[in-house]
Amino acid sequence: MLKKLLIVAFSFSVFACTDSTENKFITYCMDTLNKYGSATKEQCSCNYDYTSKKLSKSQMDEIVSAPYGSQGPLSTKGEMYFITAGNESGCFE
């Protein structure tokens, strides 16, 4: 019984974490792209779907860890991941 309860609790935490990352990524995407033009939630959702299949969880977390451009003119690893995946995804054409 305890084992089943732990499995259910772990599964819930994994899904909650994923949803949180997805929401953070979509918000990051829209905030970033709306600085320079416009992006829809659907485009950013498409980009998340593509990016989450290509990058690890830690790389996804690195993308949303700080607002785009917060490090000044030098790009962070997270920003480079975001730019590269966004260009490859085809979601913004």
C-alpha atoms as a PDB file:
ATOM      1  CA  MET A   1       0.000   0.000   0.000  1.00  0.00           C
ATOM      2  CA  LEU A   2       2.756   2.450   0.932  1.00  0.00           C
ATOM      3  CA  LYS A   3       4.647   1.584  -2.252  1.00  0.00           C
ATOM      4  CA  LYS A   4       1.580   2.370  -4.384  1.00  0.00           C
ATOM      5  CA  LEU A   5       1.062   5.653  -2.541  1.00  0.00           C
ATOM      6  CA  LEU A   6       4.680   6.658  -3.154  1.00  0.00           C
ATOM      7  CA  ILE A   7       4.408   5.795  -6.848  1.00  0.00           C
ATOM      8  CA  VAL A   8       1.258   7.896  -7.210  1.00  0.00           C
ATOM      9  CA  ALA A   9       2.834  10.813  -5.323  1.00  0.00           C
ATOM     10  CA  PHE A  10       5.993  10.619  -7.450  1.00  0.00           C
ATOM     11  CA  SER A  11       3.984  10.469 -10.675  1.00  0.00           C
ATOM     12  CA  PHE A  12       1.991  13.517  -9.643  1.00  0.00           C
ATOM     13  CA  SER A  13       5.135  15.477  -8.828  1.00  0.00           C
ATOM     14  CA  VAL A  14       6.670  14.632 -12.223  1.00  0.00           C
ATOM     15  CA  PHE A  15       3.538  15.806 -14.057  1.00  0.00           C
ATOM     16  CA  ALA A  16       3.300  18.937 -11.908  1.00  0.00           C
ATOM     17  CA  CYS A  17       6.935  19.723 -12.655  1.00  0.00           C
ATOM     18  CA  THR A  18       6.418  19.238 -16.369  1.00  0.00           C
ATOM     19  CA  ASP A  19       3.367  21.476 -16.430  1.00  0.00           C
ATOM     20  CA  SER A  20       5.230  24.149 -14.520  1.00  0.00           C
ATOM     21  CA  THR A  21       8.127  24.003 -16.971  1.00  0.00           C
ATOM     22  CA  GLU A  22       5.716  24.192 -19.909  1.00  0.00           C
ATOM     23  CA  ASN A  23       3.939  27.252 -18.497  1.00  0.00           C
ATOM     24  CA  LYS A  24       7.243  28.962 -17.681  1.00  0.00           C
ATOM     25  CA  PHE A  25       8.570  28.215 -21.162  1.00  0.00           C
ATOM     26  CA  ILE A  26       5.462  29.558 -22.921  1.00  0.00           C
ATOM     27  CA  THR A  27       5.523  32.719 -20.792  1.00  0.00           C
ATOM     28  CA  TYR A  28       9.261  33.146 -21.457  1.00  0.00           C
ATOM     29  CA  CYS A  29       8.700  32.635 -25.184  1.00  0.00           C
ATOM     30  CA  MET A  30       5.861  35.134 -25.426  1.00  0.00           C
ATOM     31  CA  ASP A  31       7.622  37.754 -23.299  1.00  0.00           C
ATOM     32  CA  THR A  32      10.831  37.395 -25.303  1.00  0.00           C
ATOM     33  CA  LEU A  33       9.336  37.393 -28.770  1.00  0.00           C
ATOM     34  CA  ASN A  34       6.825  40.146 -28.055  1.00  0.00           C
ATOM     35  CA  LYS A  35       9.774  42.460 -27.286  1.00  0.00           C
ATOM     36  CA  TYR A  36      10.846  42.211 -30.922  1.00  0.00           C
ATOM     37  CA  GLY A  37       7.617  41.485 -32.775  1.00  0.00           C
ATOM     38  CA  SER A  38       4.703  39.290 -31.927  1.00  0.00           C
ATOM     39  CA  ALA A  39       4.159  35.678 -30.980  1.00  0.00           C
ATOM     40  CA  THR A  40       1.002  33.781 -30.208  1.00  0.00           C
ATOM     41  CA  LYS A  41       0.472  31.283 -27.432  1.00  0.00           C
ATOM     42  CA  GLU A  42      -0.020  28.613 -30.106  1.00  0.00           C
ATOM     43  CA  GLN A  43       3.373  29.383 -31.661  1.00  0.00           C
ATOM     44  CA  CYS A  44       5.081  29.265 -28.271  1.00  0.00           C
ATOM     45  CA  SER A  45       3.240  26.038 -27.423  1.00  0.00           C
ATOM     46  CA  CYS A  46       4.443  24.550 -30.712  1.00  0.00           C
ATOM     47  CA  ASN A  47       7.972  25.696 -29.871  1.00  0.00           C
ATOM     48  CA  TYR A  48       7.711  24.104 -26.402  1.00  0.00           C
ATOM     49  CA  ASP A  49       6.580  20.786 -27.901  1.00  0.00           C
ATOM     50  CA  TYR A  50       9.511  20.776 -30.306  1.00  0.00           C
ATOM     51  CA  THR A  51      12.086  22.000 -27.783  1.00  0.00           C
ATOM     52  CA  SER A  52      11.040  19.637 -24.984  1.00  0.00           C
ATOM     53  CA  LYS A  53      11.689  16.682 -27.311  1.00  0.00           C
ATOM     54  CA  LYS A  54      15.165  17.956 -28.246  1.00  0.00           C
ATOM     55  CA  LEU A  55      16.536  19.220 -24.915  1.00  0.00           C
ATOM     56  CA  SER A  56      16.961  17.747 -21.453  1.00  0.00           C
ATOM     57  CA  LYS A  57      14.966  18.911 -18.431  1.00  0.00           C
ATOM     58  CA  SER A  58      18.012  20.799 -17.108  1.00  0.00           C
ATOM     59  CA  GLN A  59      18.462  22.580 -20.452  1.00  0.00           C
ATOM     60  CA  MET A  60      14.761  23.521 -20.447  1.00  0.00           C
ATOM     61  CA  ASP A  61      15.136  24.855 -16.901  1.00  0.00           C
ATOM     62  CA  GLU A  62      18.176  26.852 -18.011  1.00  0.00           C
ATOM     63  CA  ILE A  63      16.092  28.562 -20.703  1.00  0.00           C
ATOM     64  CA  VAL A  64      13.473  29.846 -18.274  1.00  0.00           C
ATOM     65  CA  SER A  65      15.844  30.610 -15.397  1.00  0.00           C
ATOM     66  CA  ALA A  66      16.210  34.324 -16.238  1.00  0.00           C
ATOM     67  CA  PRO A  67      14.430  36.805 -18.513  1.00  0.00           C
ATOM     68  CA  TYR A  68      15.859  37.017 -22.027  1.00  0.00           C
ATOM     69  CA  GLY A  69      18.580  39.641 -22.252  1.00  0.00           C
ATOM     70  CA  SER A  70      19.028  39.943 -18.491  1.00  0.00           C
ATOM     71  CA  GLN A  71      22.765  39.249 -18.825  1.00  0.00           C
ATOM     72  CA  GLY A  72      23.300  42.200 -21.128  1.00  0.00           C
ATOM     73  CA  PRO A  73      24.652  41.835 -24.648  1.00  0.00           C
ATOM     74  CA  LEU A  74      26.161  38.401 -24.001  1.00  0.00           C
ATOM     75  CA  SER A  75      23.828  35.466 -24.544  1.00  0.00           C
ATOM     76  CA  THR A  76      23.459  32.804 -21.877  1.00  0.00           C
ATOM     77  CA  LYS A  77      23.391  29.097 -22.668  1.00  0.00           C
ATOM     78  CA  GLY A  78      19.640  29.132 -22.071  1.00  0.00           C
ATOM     79  CA  GLU A  79      19.153  31.935 -24.574  1.00  0.00           C
ATOM     80  CA  MET A  80      21.208  30.085 -27.155  1.00  0.00           C
ATOM     81  CA  TYR A  81      19.142  26.927 -26.610  1.00  0.00           C
ATOM     82  CA  PHE A  82      15.961  28.982 -27.044  1.00  0.00           C
ATOM     83  CA  ILE A  83      17.158  30.730 -30.208  1.00  0.00           C
ATOM     84  CA  THR A  84      18.468  27.550 -31.808  1.00  0.00           C
ATOM     85  CA  ALA A  85      15.388  25.458 -31.055  1.00  0.00           C
ATOM     86  CA  GLY A  86      13.080  28.278 -32.129  1.00  0.00           C
ATOM     87  CA  ASN A  87      14.819  28.516 -35.490  1.00  0.00           C
ATOM     88  CA  GLU A  88      14.690  24.756 -36.003  1.00  0.00           C
ATOM     89  CA  SER A  89      11.081  24.268 -34.865  1.00  0.00           C
ATOM     90  CA  GLY A  90       9.362  25.957 -37.817  1.00  0.00           C
ATOM     91  CA  CYS A  91       6.692  27.295 -35.430  1.00  0.00           C
ATOM     92  CA  PHE A  92       7.293  30.953 -36.291  1.00  0.00           C
ATOM     93  CA  GLU A  93       7.180  30.825 -40.095  1.00  0.00           C
END
